[in-house]
Amino acid sequence: MGQWLSIILFFAVVALVVGVLKAFLSPKKKPRRRSNYRQPYLKDVSDFRGKGSTADAAEQLRIVMEANFQSRSLLNRPEAKVFKALDEAVIARNPGWQVMAQVSLGEFLSSKSKPAYFAVNSKRVDFALMDEKCCVVHALEYQGSGHHQGSAAARDAVKKEALRKAGIGYHEIVAGHTTPSELRALVEKLVPAG
C-alpha cells in the first residue's frame, strides 16, 4: 500500500509543479474588469435609423408599449383650409389626380446614394399633387406665419434640390394668398384638365 501512496503523491507533486510553471511561463492576460457601462435608454426612435434588425424592432416595441399615444390632427387649421380648397380645385380640374397631405419624401423619391436618400427620407412636403399613375408631379409647401423659424430655410433648400433633381415641381403657398380663387388659379397652372 505504501508503494501506491508514493505513486499518487508523485503524480500530485508533478501536477502541482506543472501548474505553477504554466502560470509563470504563460503570457499574462489582463484581468477582466467588470464594466459599469449600460446601453443608454433610447429616447428617440431616430436612434434606430439604419439598424434594421429584429432586436431593434423589439426595443422599439418595448418603448411603444411603455408610452401613451393620442390621436391628433394631421393638419393645423390654416393647412386644413388650404387642403380642402386644393382638393376641391384638383378634383374639379382633373378627377384622376389627388392631393396628398404631409407626405414623406422617402415615399416618392429614390436615390442610389444611401446618404442622399437618408438626407431626405424623413422630410415631408405639406401637400403633394399626385397624377392618375400615383406619381407625385408637384410638391406644395404652405408657408404659414411661423414657417421661417430655426433651420426651416436650410430644410427647404434640401427638399427643393431633391425635388428639382427628380423633376418634381416645388411651389410655395404663402399665408394670406390662400383664397379658394387663388388656389384654383394655381391648380389650373399645375394640373392638366381631365
N, C-alpha and C. Protein backbone atom coordinates (compact mmCIF):
# COMPACT_ATOMS: atom_id res chain seq x y z
N MET A 1 0.81 -1.17 0.00
CA MET A 1 0.00 0.00 0.00
C MET A 1 0.87 1.25 0.00
N GLY A 2 2.03 1.20 0.63
CA GLY A 2 2.93 2.34 0.70
C GLY A 2 3.43 2.72 -0.67
N GLN A 3 3.58 1.69 -1.53
CA GLN A 3 4.05 1.97 -2.89
C GLN A 3 3.00 2.76 -3.66
N TRP A 4 1.71 2.43 -3.53
CA TRP A 4 0.64 3.17 -4.22
C TRP A 4 0.53 4.60 -3.71
N LEU A 5 0.74 4.76 -2.42
CA LEU A 5 0.70 6.10 -1.85
C LEU A 5 1.83 6.96 -2.41
N SER A 6 3.00 6.36 -2.59
CA SER A 6 4.15 7.08 -3.17
C SER A 6 3.86 7.49 -4.61
N ILE A 7 3.22 6.61 -5.40
CA ILE A 7 2.91 6.91 -6.80
C ILE A 7 1.89 8.06 -6.88
N ILE A 8 0.85 7.99 -6.05
CA ILE A 8 -0.17 9.05 -6.04
C ILE A 8 0.45 10.37 -5.62
N LEU A 9 1.29 10.34 -4.61
CA LEU A 9 1.95 11.55 -4.14
C LEU A 9 2.86 12.12 -5.22
N PHE A 10 3.59 11.24 -5.94
CA PHE A 10 4.46 11.66 -7.02
C PHE A 10 3.67 12.41 -8.09
N PHE A 11 2.53 11.83 -8.54
CA PHE A 11 1.71 12.47 -9.59
C PHE A 11 1.09 13.79 -9.09
N ALA A 12 0.75 13.86 -7.82
CA ALA A 12 0.20 15.11 -7.26
C ALA A 12 1.25 16.20 -7.29
N VAL A 13 2.50 15.87 -6.94
CA VAL A 13 3.60 16.85 -6.96
C VAL A 13 3.88 17.29 -8.39
N VAL A 14 3.89 16.34 -9.33
CA VAL A 14 4.13 16.67 -10.74
C VAL A 14 3.04 17.61 -11.24
N ALA A 15 1.79 17.33 -10.94
CA ALA A 15 0.68 18.18 -11.38
C ALA A 15 0.82 19.58 -10.79
N LEU A 16 1.23 19.65 -9.53
CA LEU A 16 1.40 20.95 -8.87
C LEU A 16 2.53 21.73 -9.53
N VAL A 17 3.65 21.07 -9.81
CA VAL A 17 4.80 21.73 -10.46
C VAL A 17 4.42 22.21 -11.86
N VAL A 18 3.73 21.38 -12.62
CA VAL A 18 3.30 21.76 -13.98
C VAL A 18 2.37 22.97 -13.91
N GLY A 19 1.46 22.97 -12.98
CA GLY A 19 0.53 24.09 -12.84
C GLY A 19 1.24 25.38 -12.50
N VAL A 20 2.22 25.31 -11.58
CA VAL A 20 2.98 26.51 -11.18
C VAL A 20 3.81 27.01 -12.36
N LEU A 21 4.50 26.10 -13.08
CA LEU A 21 5.30 26.50 -14.23
C LEU A 21 4.43 27.13 -15.33
N LYS A 22 3.29 26.55 -15.57
CA LYS A 22 2.37 27.06 -16.58
C LYS A 22 1.90 28.48 -16.23
N ALA A 23 1.65 28.71 -14.96
CA ALA A 23 1.20 30.02 -14.51
C ALA A 23 2.28 31.07 -14.70
N PHE A 24 3.55 30.71 -14.45
CA PHE A 24 4.64 31.67 -14.57
C PHE A 24 5.11 31.86 -16.01
N LEU A 25 5.03 30.83 -16.83
CA LEU A 25 5.58 30.89 -18.18
C LEU A 25 4.57 31.36 -19.24
N SER A 26 3.29 31.23 -18.98
CA SER A 26 2.29 31.64 -19.98
C SER A 26 2.19 33.16 -20.00
N PRO A 27 1.83 33.74 -21.18
CA PRO A 27 1.69 35.20 -21.25
C PRO A 27 0.58 35.67 -20.33
N LYS A 28 0.84 36.80 -19.71
CA LYS A 28 -0.12 37.30 -18.73
C LYS A 28 -1.26 38.01 -19.44
N LYS A 29 -2.46 37.69 -19.03
CA LYS A 29 -3.65 38.35 -19.55
C LYS A 29 -4.10 39.39 -18.55
N LYS A 30 -4.60 40.49 -19.10
CA LYS A 30 -5.14 41.50 -18.20
C LYS A 30 -6.41 40.95 -17.57
N PRO A 31 -6.57 41.18 -16.30
CA PRO A 31 -7.80 40.69 -15.68
C PRO A 31 -9.00 41.44 -16.24
N ARG A 32 -10.06 40.73 -16.46
CA ARG A 32 -11.29 41.35 -16.97
C ARG A 32 -11.95 42.11 -15.84
N ARG A 33 -12.10 43.39 -16.11
CA ARG A 33 -12.80 44.20 -15.11
C ARG A 33 -14.26 44.25 -15.48
N ARG A 34 -15.03 44.23 -14.49
CA ARG A 34 -16.46 44.32 -14.70
C ARG A 34 -16.81 45.76 -15.07
N SER A 35 -17.53 45.90 -16.14
CA SER A 35 -17.88 47.23 -16.62
C SER A 35 -19.20 47.71 -16.03
N ASN A 36 -19.24 48.96 -15.71
CA ASN A 36 -20.49 49.56 -15.24
C ASN A 36 -21.28 50.17 -16.39
N TYR A 37 -20.75 50.05 -17.61
CA TYR A 37 -21.41 50.63 -18.78
C TYR A 37 -22.70 49.90 -19.09
N ARG A 38 -23.74 50.65 -19.29
CA ARG A 38 -25.01 50.10 -19.74
C ARG A 38 -25.43 50.85 -20.97
N GLN A 39 -26.10 50.15 -21.86
CA GLN A 39 -26.60 50.82 -23.05
C GLN A 39 -27.58 51.91 -22.62
N PRO A 40 -27.37 53.12 -23.15
CA PRO A 40 -28.28 54.20 -22.74
C PRO A 40 -29.70 53.90 -23.20
N TYR A 41 -30.64 54.37 -22.42
CA TYR A 41 -32.05 54.22 -22.78
C TYR A 41 -32.31 55.03 -24.04
N LEU A 42 -32.88 54.39 -25.02
CA LEU A 42 -33.13 55.07 -26.29
C LEU A 42 -34.32 56.00 -26.14
N LYS A 43 -34.05 57.28 -26.24
CA LYS A 43 -35.08 58.28 -26.02
C LYS A 43 -35.84 58.60 -27.28
N ASP A 44 -35.26 58.29 -28.41
CA ASP A 44 -35.82 58.73 -29.67
C ASP A 44 -35.76 57.58 -30.67
N VAL A 45 -36.80 57.39 -31.41
CA VAL A 45 -36.83 56.31 -32.40
C VAL A 45 -35.77 56.54 -33.47
N SER A 46 -35.33 57.79 -33.67
CA SER A 46 -34.30 58.06 -34.67
C SER A 46 -33.00 57.35 -34.31
N ASP A 47 -32.83 56.92 -33.05
CA ASP A 47 -31.66 56.15 -32.67
C ASP A 47 -31.62 54.81 -33.40
N PHE A 48 -32.75 54.37 -33.94
CA PHE A 48 -32.82 53.08 -34.61
C PHE A 48 -32.52 53.18 -36.11
N ARG A 49 -32.46 54.39 -36.65
CA ARG A 49 -32.33 54.55 -38.09
C ARG A 49 -31.18 53.76 -38.65
N GLY A 50 -31.45 53.02 -39.69
CA GLY A 50 -30.42 52.32 -40.40
C GLY A 50 -29.98 51.01 -39.78
N LYS A 51 -30.48 50.64 -38.64
CA LYS A 51 -30.02 49.41 -37.99
C LYS A 51 -30.77 48.21 -38.53
N GLY A 52 -32.07 48.25 -38.50
CA GLY A 52 -32.89 47.27 -39.18
C GLY A 52 -32.92 45.85 -38.66
N SER A 53 -32.45 45.57 -37.48
CA SER A 53 -32.51 44.19 -37.00
C SER A 53 -33.80 43.98 -36.21
N THR A 54 -34.14 42.71 -36.02
CA THR A 54 -35.35 42.41 -35.25
C THR A 54 -35.17 42.81 -33.80
N ALA A 55 -33.93 42.83 -33.30
CA ALA A 55 -33.70 43.28 -31.93
C ALA A 55 -34.10 44.74 -31.78
N ASP A 56 -33.80 45.55 -32.80
CA ASP A 56 -34.19 46.95 -32.77
C ASP A 56 -35.71 47.07 -32.78
N ALA A 57 -36.37 46.25 -33.56
CA ALA A 57 -37.83 46.28 -33.60
C ALA A 57 -38.40 45.89 -32.24
N ALA A 58 -37.77 44.93 -31.59
CA ALA A 58 -38.23 44.52 -30.27
C ALA A 58 -38.05 45.65 -29.27
N GLU A 59 -36.94 46.37 -29.37
CA GLU A 59 -36.70 47.51 -28.48
C GLU A 59 -37.71 48.63 -28.77
N GLN A 60 -37.99 48.86 -30.04
CA GLN A 60 -39.00 49.86 -30.40
C GLN A 60 -40.36 49.47 -29.82
N LEU A 61 -40.71 48.20 -29.92
CA LEU A 61 -41.98 47.73 -29.39
C LEU A 61 -42.04 47.94 -27.88
N ARG A 62 -40.94 47.66 -27.20
CA ARG A 62 -40.90 47.86 -25.75
C ARG A 62 -41.14 49.33 -25.41
N ILE A 63 -40.49 50.23 -26.14
CA ILE A 63 -40.65 51.66 -25.89
C ILE A 63 -42.08 52.10 -26.16
N VAL A 64 -42.65 51.62 -27.26
CA VAL A 64 -44.03 51.99 -27.61
C VAL A 64 -45.01 51.45 -26.59
N MET A 65 -44.78 50.23 -26.11
CA MET A 65 -45.69 49.65 -25.12
C MET A 65 -45.67 50.42 -23.80
N GLU A 66 -44.54 51.05 -23.50
CA GLU A 66 -44.43 51.81 -22.25
C GLU A 66 -44.99 53.23 -22.37
N ALA A 67 -45.27 53.68 -23.58
CA ALA A 67 -45.71 55.06 -23.80
C ALA A 67 -47.22 55.13 -24.01
N ASN A 68 -47.76 56.33 -23.88
CA ASN A 68 -49.15 56.60 -24.21
C ASN A 68 -49.21 57.37 -25.52
N PHE A 69 -50.24 57.13 -26.30
CA PHE A 69 -50.42 57.84 -27.56
C PHE A 69 -51.82 58.42 -27.62
N GLN A 70 -51.94 59.54 -28.32
CA GLN A 70 -53.23 60.16 -28.57
C GLN A 70 -53.30 60.52 -30.05
N SER A 71 -54.49 60.49 -30.58
CA SER A 71 -54.69 60.90 -31.96
C SER A 71 -54.63 62.43 -32.03
N ARG A 72 -54.10 62.96 -33.12
CA ARG A 72 -54.10 64.40 -33.31
C ARG A 72 -54.33 64.71 -34.78
N SER A 73 -54.70 65.92 -35.06
CA SER A 73 -54.99 66.33 -36.43
C SER A 73 -53.72 66.29 -37.28
N LEU A 74 -53.84 65.80 -38.48
CA LEU A 74 -52.71 65.75 -39.40
C LEU A 74 -52.30 67.15 -39.83
N LEU A 75 -53.27 68.05 -39.92
CA LEU A 75 -53.02 69.42 -40.38
C LEU A 75 -53.51 70.42 -39.35
N ASN A 76 -52.80 71.54 -39.26
CA ASN A 76 -53.33 72.61 -38.41
C ASN A 76 -54.46 73.31 -39.16
N ARG A 77 -55.13 74.24 -38.53
CA ARG A 77 -56.32 74.87 -39.14
C ARG A 77 -56.02 75.54 -40.48
N PRO A 78 -54.99 76.39 -40.58
CA PRO A 78 -54.73 77.01 -41.88
C PRO A 78 -54.39 75.98 -42.96
N GLU A 79 -53.60 74.95 -42.60
CA GLU A 79 -53.26 73.92 -43.57
C GLU A 79 -54.50 73.14 -44.00
N ALA A 80 -55.40 72.85 -43.06
CA ALA A 80 -56.63 72.13 -43.38
C ALA A 80 -57.49 72.94 -44.35
N LYS A 81 -57.53 74.23 -44.14
CA LYS A 81 -58.30 75.11 -45.03
C LYS A 81 -57.71 75.08 -46.45
N VAL A 82 -56.39 75.14 -46.53
CA VAL A 82 -55.71 75.08 -47.84
C VAL A 82 -55.96 73.71 -48.47
N PHE A 83 -55.84 72.65 -47.68
CA PHE A 83 -56.05 71.30 -48.21
C PHE A 83 -57.44 71.16 -48.84
N LYS A 84 -58.46 71.60 -48.13
CA LYS A 84 -59.83 71.46 -48.64
C LYS A 84 -60.02 72.22 -49.94
N ALA A 85 -59.48 73.45 -50.01
CA ALA A 85 -59.60 74.24 -51.23
C ALA A 85 -58.81 73.61 -52.38
N LEU A 86 -57.61 73.11 -52.09
CA LEU A 86 -56.81 72.44 -53.12
C LEU A 86 -57.50 71.18 -53.61
N ASP A 87 -58.02 70.40 -52.69
CA ASP A 87 -58.68 69.14 -53.03
C ASP A 87 -59.87 69.39 -53.96
N GLU A 88 -60.69 70.36 -53.61
CA GLU A 88 -61.85 70.70 -54.46
C GLU A 88 -61.40 71.16 -55.84
N ALA A 89 -60.37 72.01 -55.88
CA ALA A 89 -59.88 72.54 -57.16
C ALA A 89 -59.28 71.44 -58.03
N VAL A 90 -58.51 70.53 -57.42
CA VAL A 90 -57.87 69.46 -58.18
C VAL A 90 -58.92 68.50 -58.74
N ILE A 91 -59.89 68.11 -57.92
CA ILE A 91 -60.94 67.19 -58.37
C ILE A 91 -61.76 67.83 -59.50
N ALA A 92 -62.05 69.12 -59.37
CA ALA A 92 -62.80 69.82 -60.43
C ALA A 92 -61.99 69.89 -61.72
N ARG A 93 -60.69 70.05 -61.62
CA ARG A 93 -59.82 70.19 -62.79
C ARG A 93 -59.55 68.85 -63.44
N ASN A 94 -59.23 67.83 -62.62
CA ASN A 94 -58.90 66.51 -63.16
C ASN A 94 -59.19 65.46 -62.08
N PRO A 95 -60.31 64.74 -62.19
CA PRO A 95 -60.71 63.77 -61.16
C PRO A 95 -59.72 62.62 -60.96
N GLY A 96 -58.81 62.42 -61.91
CA GLY A 96 -57.80 61.36 -61.77
C GLY A 96 -56.66 61.74 -60.84
N TRP A 97 -56.54 63.01 -60.55
CA TRP A 97 -55.47 63.50 -59.68
C TRP A 97 -55.94 63.54 -58.23
N GLN A 98 -54.97 63.52 -57.31
CA GLN A 98 -55.26 63.55 -55.88
C GLN A 98 -54.34 64.55 -55.18
N VAL A 99 -54.84 65.09 -54.09
CA VAL A 99 -54.00 65.90 -53.20
C VAL A 99 -53.68 65.03 -51.99
N MET A 100 -52.41 64.90 -51.67
CA MET A 100 -51.96 64.14 -50.52
C MET A 100 -51.37 65.13 -49.52
N ALA A 101 -51.54 64.87 -48.23
CA ALA A 101 -51.03 65.79 -47.21
C ALA A 101 -49.94 65.13 -46.37
N GLN A 102 -48.95 65.94 -46.00
CA GLN A 102 -47.85 65.52 -45.13
C GLN A 102 -47.17 64.25 -45.62
N VAL A 103 -46.66 64.30 -46.84
CA VAL A 103 -46.07 63.13 -47.47
C VAL A 103 -44.56 63.15 -47.28
N SER A 104 -44.02 62.04 -46.83
CA SER A 104 -42.57 61.88 -46.66
C SER A 104 -41.91 61.78 -48.02
N LEU A 105 -40.83 62.53 -48.22
CA LEU A 105 -40.11 62.49 -49.50
C LEU A 105 -39.59 61.09 -49.79
N GLY A 106 -39.27 60.34 -48.76
CA GLY A 106 -38.77 58.98 -48.96
C GLY A 106 -39.80 58.05 -49.56
N GLU A 107 -41.07 58.44 -49.54
CA GLU A 107 -42.12 57.61 -50.14
C GLU A 107 -42.22 57.80 -51.65
N PHE A 108 -41.76 58.94 -52.16
CA PHE A 108 -41.91 59.13 -53.60
C PHE A 108 -40.62 59.55 -54.30
N LEU A 109 -39.49 59.59 -53.58
CA LEU A 109 -38.19 59.83 -54.19
C LEU A 109 -37.29 58.63 -53.91
N SER A 110 -36.38 58.37 -54.82
CA SER A 110 -35.38 57.34 -54.58
C SER A 110 -34.04 57.86 -55.06
N SER A 111 -32.98 57.25 -54.56
CA SER A 111 -31.62 57.62 -54.97
C SER A 111 -30.73 56.41 -54.77
N LYS A 112 -29.77 56.24 -55.66
CA LYS A 112 -28.80 55.16 -55.50
C LYS A 112 -27.82 55.47 -54.37
N SER A 113 -27.74 56.75 -54.02
CA SER A 113 -26.87 57.17 -52.92
C SER A 113 -27.62 57.05 -51.60
N LYS A 114 -27.17 56.14 -50.74
CA LYS A 114 -27.84 55.96 -49.45
C LYS A 114 -27.79 57.22 -48.59
N PRO A 115 -26.62 57.89 -48.49
CA PRO A 115 -26.60 59.12 -47.67
C PRO A 115 -27.56 60.18 -48.20
N ALA A 116 -27.65 60.31 -49.53
CA ALA A 116 -28.57 61.30 -50.11
C ALA A 116 -30.02 60.92 -49.82
N TYR A 117 -30.34 59.63 -49.95
CA TYR A 117 -31.69 59.19 -49.67
C TYR A 117 -32.06 59.43 -48.20
N PHE A 118 -31.15 59.08 -47.29
CA PHE A 118 -31.43 59.28 -45.87
C PHE A 118 -31.51 60.75 -45.49
N ALA A 119 -30.86 61.62 -46.29
CA ALA A 119 -30.94 63.06 -46.03
C ALA A 119 -32.35 63.60 -46.27
N VAL A 120 -33.10 62.94 -47.17
CA VAL A 120 -34.46 63.43 -47.49
C VAL A 120 -35.56 62.50 -47.03
N ASN A 121 -35.23 61.29 -46.67
CA ASN A 121 -36.22 60.27 -46.37
C ASN A 121 -37.33 60.71 -45.42
N SER A 122 -36.97 61.32 -44.31
CA SER A 122 -37.98 61.68 -43.33
C SER A 122 -38.49 63.11 -43.46
N LYS A 123 -37.99 63.85 -44.42
CA LYS A 123 -38.52 65.20 -44.64
C LYS A 123 -39.86 65.08 -45.34
N ARG A 124 -40.75 66.05 -45.08
CA ARG A 124 -42.10 66.00 -45.63
C ARG A 124 -42.42 67.25 -46.42
N VAL A 125 -43.33 67.08 -47.35
CA VAL A 125 -43.93 68.24 -48.01
C VAL A 125 -45.35 68.35 -47.48
N ASP A 126 -45.84 69.60 -47.38
CA ASP A 126 -47.19 69.80 -46.84
C ASP A 126 -48.24 69.14 -47.72
N PHE A 127 -48.11 69.35 -49.05
CA PHE A 127 -49.08 68.76 -49.98
C PHE A 127 -48.35 68.24 -51.21
N ALA A 128 -48.82 67.13 -51.72
CA ALA A 128 -48.28 66.56 -52.96
C ALA A 128 -49.43 66.37 -53.93
N LEU A 129 -49.23 66.80 -55.17
CA LEU A 129 -50.23 66.57 -56.21
C LEU A 129 -49.81 65.32 -56.97
N MET A 130 -50.67 64.31 -56.93
CA MET A 130 -50.37 63.01 -57.49
C MET A 130 -51.25 62.76 -58.71
N ASP A 131 -50.63 62.32 -59.80
CA ASP A 131 -51.39 62.08 -61.03
C ASP A 131 -52.12 60.74 -60.99
N GLU A 132 -52.78 60.41 -62.10
CA GLU A 132 -53.58 59.18 -62.16
C GLU A 132 -52.72 57.92 -62.08
N LYS A 133 -51.39 58.04 -62.30
CA LYS A 133 -50.49 56.90 -62.19
C LYS A 133 -49.89 56.80 -60.78
N CYS A 134 -50.40 57.60 -59.86
CA CYS A 134 -49.93 57.64 -58.47
C CYS A 134 -48.50 58.16 -58.34
N CYS A 135 -48.10 59.01 -59.28
CA CYS A 135 -46.78 59.64 -59.23
C CYS A 135 -46.95 61.08 -58.77
N VAL A 136 -46.11 61.50 -57.85
CA VAL A 136 -46.14 62.89 -57.40
C VAL A 136 -45.51 63.74 -58.50
N VAL A 137 -46.26 64.75 -58.93
CA VAL A 137 -45.81 65.63 -60.01
C VAL A 137 -45.40 67.00 -59.45
N HIS A 138 -46.09 67.44 -58.40
CA HIS A 138 -45.80 68.73 -57.77
C HIS A 138 -45.85 68.60 -56.26
N ALA A 139 -44.93 69.30 -55.60
CA ALA A 139 -44.93 69.40 -54.14
C ALA A 139 -45.28 70.84 -53.78
N LEU A 140 -46.17 71.00 -52.81
CA LEU A 140 -46.59 72.34 -52.39
C LEU A 140 -46.27 72.52 -50.91
N GLU A 141 -45.64 73.63 -50.59
CA GLU A 141 -45.31 73.94 -49.20
C GLU A 141 -46.12 75.14 -48.76
N TYR A 142 -46.82 74.99 -47.66
CA TYR A 142 -47.58 76.10 -47.09
C TYR A 142 -46.66 76.88 -46.17
N GLN A 143 -46.44 78.13 -46.47
CA GLN A 143 -45.56 78.98 -45.67
C GLN A 143 -46.44 79.83 -44.75
N GLY A 144 -46.76 79.26 -43.60
CA GLY A 144 -47.57 79.97 -42.61
C GLY A 144 -46.75 81.02 -41.89
N SER A 145 -47.36 81.69 -40.94
CA SER A 145 -46.70 82.79 -40.24
C SER A 145 -45.47 82.34 -39.46
N GLY A 146 -45.45 81.14 -38.94
CA GLY A 146 -44.31 80.68 -38.15
C GLY A 146 -43.35 79.80 -38.91
N HIS A 147 -43.46 79.76 -40.23
CA HIS A 147 -42.66 78.80 -41.01
C HIS A 147 -41.16 79.10 -40.98
N HIS A 148 -40.78 80.33 -41.11
CA HIS A 148 -39.35 80.66 -41.26
C HIS A 148 -38.66 80.79 -39.91
N GLN A 149 -38.74 79.77 -39.09
CA GLN A 149 -38.08 79.75 -37.79
C GLN A 149 -36.99 78.69 -37.80
N GLY A 150 -35.94 78.96 -37.06
CA GLY A 150 -34.87 77.97 -36.92
C GLY A 150 -34.22 77.64 -38.24
N SER A 151 -34.11 76.35 -38.54
CA SER A 151 -33.41 75.88 -39.74
C SER A 151 -34.37 75.59 -40.90
N ALA A 152 -35.54 76.22 -40.91
CA ALA A 152 -36.54 75.95 -41.95
C ALA A 152 -36.00 76.22 -43.35
N ALA A 153 -35.26 77.31 -43.52
CA ALA A 153 -34.73 77.65 -44.85
C ALA A 153 -33.77 76.58 -45.34
N ALA A 154 -32.93 76.07 -44.46
CA ALA A 154 -31.99 75.02 -44.85
C ALA A 154 -32.73 73.73 -45.21
N ARG A 155 -33.74 73.37 -44.41
CA ARG A 155 -34.53 72.16 -44.70
C ARG A 155 -35.24 72.31 -46.04
N ASP A 156 -35.80 73.50 -46.29
CA ASP A 156 -36.49 73.74 -47.56
C ASP A 156 -35.53 73.64 -48.73
N ALA A 157 -34.30 74.12 -48.56
CA ALA A 157 -33.31 74.06 -49.64
C ALA A 157 -32.99 72.60 -49.99
N VAL A 158 -32.90 71.75 -48.98
CA VAL A 158 -32.63 70.32 -49.22
C VAL A 158 -33.80 69.71 -50.00
N LYS A 159 -35.02 70.01 -49.57
CA LYS A 159 -36.21 69.48 -50.25
C LYS A 159 -36.25 69.96 -51.70
N LYS A 160 -36.07 71.28 -51.89
CA LYS A 160 -36.14 71.86 -53.24
C LYS A 160 -35.16 71.19 -54.19
N GLU A 161 -33.93 70.98 -53.73
CA GLU A 161 -32.91 70.39 -54.59
C GLU A 161 -33.24 68.95 -54.94
N ALA A 162 -33.67 68.17 -53.98
CA ALA A 162 -34.03 66.77 -54.25
C ALA A 162 -35.20 66.70 -55.22
N LEU A 163 -36.21 67.55 -55.00
CA LEU A 163 -37.38 67.57 -55.89
C LEU A 163 -36.98 68.01 -57.29
N ARG A 164 -36.13 69.04 -57.38
CA ARG A 164 -35.68 69.53 -58.69
C ARG A 164 -34.98 68.42 -59.46
N LYS A 165 -34.08 67.68 -58.77
CA LYS A 165 -33.35 66.61 -59.43
C LYS A 165 -34.27 65.48 -59.88
N ALA A 166 -35.39 65.30 -59.19
CA ALA A 166 -36.34 64.25 -59.56
C ALA A 166 -37.35 64.73 -60.62
N GLY A 167 -37.28 66.00 -60.99
CA GLY A 167 -38.21 66.54 -61.98
C GLY A 167 -39.59 66.83 -61.42
N ILE A 168 -39.66 67.06 -60.12
CA ILE A 168 -40.94 67.35 -59.46
C ILE A 168 -40.99 68.84 -59.13
N GLY A 169 -42.08 69.47 -59.50
CA GLY A 169 -42.22 70.90 -59.26
C GLY A 169 -42.35 71.21 -57.78
N TYR A 170 -41.81 72.35 -57.38
CA TYR A 170 -41.89 72.82 -55.99
C TYR A 170 -42.56 74.18 -56.00
N HIS A 171 -43.61 74.33 -55.21
CA HIS A 171 -44.37 75.58 -55.20
C HIS A 171 -44.71 75.96 -53.77
N GLU A 172 -44.58 77.24 -53.47
CA GLU A 172 -44.90 77.73 -52.14
C GLU A 172 -46.27 78.39 -52.14
N ILE A 173 -47.03 78.11 -51.12
CA ILE A 173 -48.32 78.77 -50.90
C ILE A 173 -48.12 79.64 -49.66
N VAL A 174 -48.14 80.92 -49.85
CA VAL A 174 -47.84 81.86 -48.76
C VAL A 174 -49.12 82.25 -48.05
N ALA A 175 -49.05 82.26 -46.72
CA ALA A 175 -50.21 82.67 -45.92
C ALA A 175 -50.67 84.04 -46.40
N GLY A 176 -51.97 84.21 -46.49
CA GLY A 176 -52.53 85.45 -47.00
C GLY A 176 -52.87 85.37 -48.47
N HIS A 177 -52.37 84.33 -49.15
CA HIS A 177 -52.69 84.11 -50.57
C HIS A 177 -53.33 82.73 -50.72
N THR A 178 -54.30 82.48 -49.85
CA THR A 178 -54.89 81.13 -49.83
C THR A 178 -56.40 81.15 -50.05
N THR A 179 -56.88 82.15 -50.76
CA THR A 179 -58.31 82.16 -51.03
C THR A 179 -58.60 81.04 -52.03
N PRO A 180 -59.82 80.52 -52.02
CA PRO A 180 -60.15 79.46 -52.98
C PRO A 180 -59.85 79.86 -54.43
N SER A 181 -60.09 81.11 -54.79
CA SER A 181 -59.83 81.51 -56.18
C SER A 181 -58.33 81.53 -56.48
N GLU A 182 -57.51 81.96 -55.52
CA GLU A 182 -56.05 81.94 -55.73
C GLU A 182 -55.52 80.51 -55.84
N LEU A 183 -56.04 79.62 -55.01
CA LEU A 183 -55.61 78.23 -55.07
C LEU A 183 -56.10 77.55 -56.34
N ARG A 184 -57.31 77.90 -56.79
CA ARG A 184 -57.84 77.36 -58.04
C ARG A 184 -56.96 77.80 -59.22
N ALA A 185 -56.52 79.06 -59.20
CA ALA A 185 -55.64 79.56 -60.27
C ALA A 185 -54.31 78.78 -60.28
N LEU A 186 -53.77 78.47 -59.11
CA LEU A 186 -52.53 77.69 -59.02
C LEU A 186 -52.76 76.30 -59.58
N VAL A 187 -53.85 75.67 -59.20
CA VAL A 187 -54.15 74.31 -59.68
C VAL A 187 -54.31 74.30 -61.19
N GLU A 188 -54.93 75.32 -61.75
CA GLU A 188 -55.10 75.39 -63.21
C GLU A 188 -53.75 75.46 -63.93
N LYS A 189 -52.74 76.05 -63.29
CA LYS A 189 -51.39 76.10 -63.88
C LYS A 189 -50.70 74.75 -63.78
N LEU A 190 -50.97 74.00 -62.72
CA LEU A 190 -50.19 72.79 -62.44
C LEU A 190 -50.83 71.49 -62.89
N VAL A 191 -52.15 71.45 -62.93
CA VAL A 191 -52.85 70.18 -63.22
C VAL A 191 -53.49 70.25 -64.60
N PRO A 192 -53.19 69.28 -65.46
CA PRO A 192 -53.84 69.29 -66.78
C PRO A 192 -55.33 68.98 -66.64
N ALA A 193 -56.11 69.59 -67.51
CA ALA A 193 -57.56 69.36 -67.48
C ALA A 193 -57.84 67.89 -67.80
N GLY A 194 -58.81 67.34 -67.10
CA GLY A 194 -59.11 65.92 -67.27
C GLY A 194 -60.39 65.66 -67.87
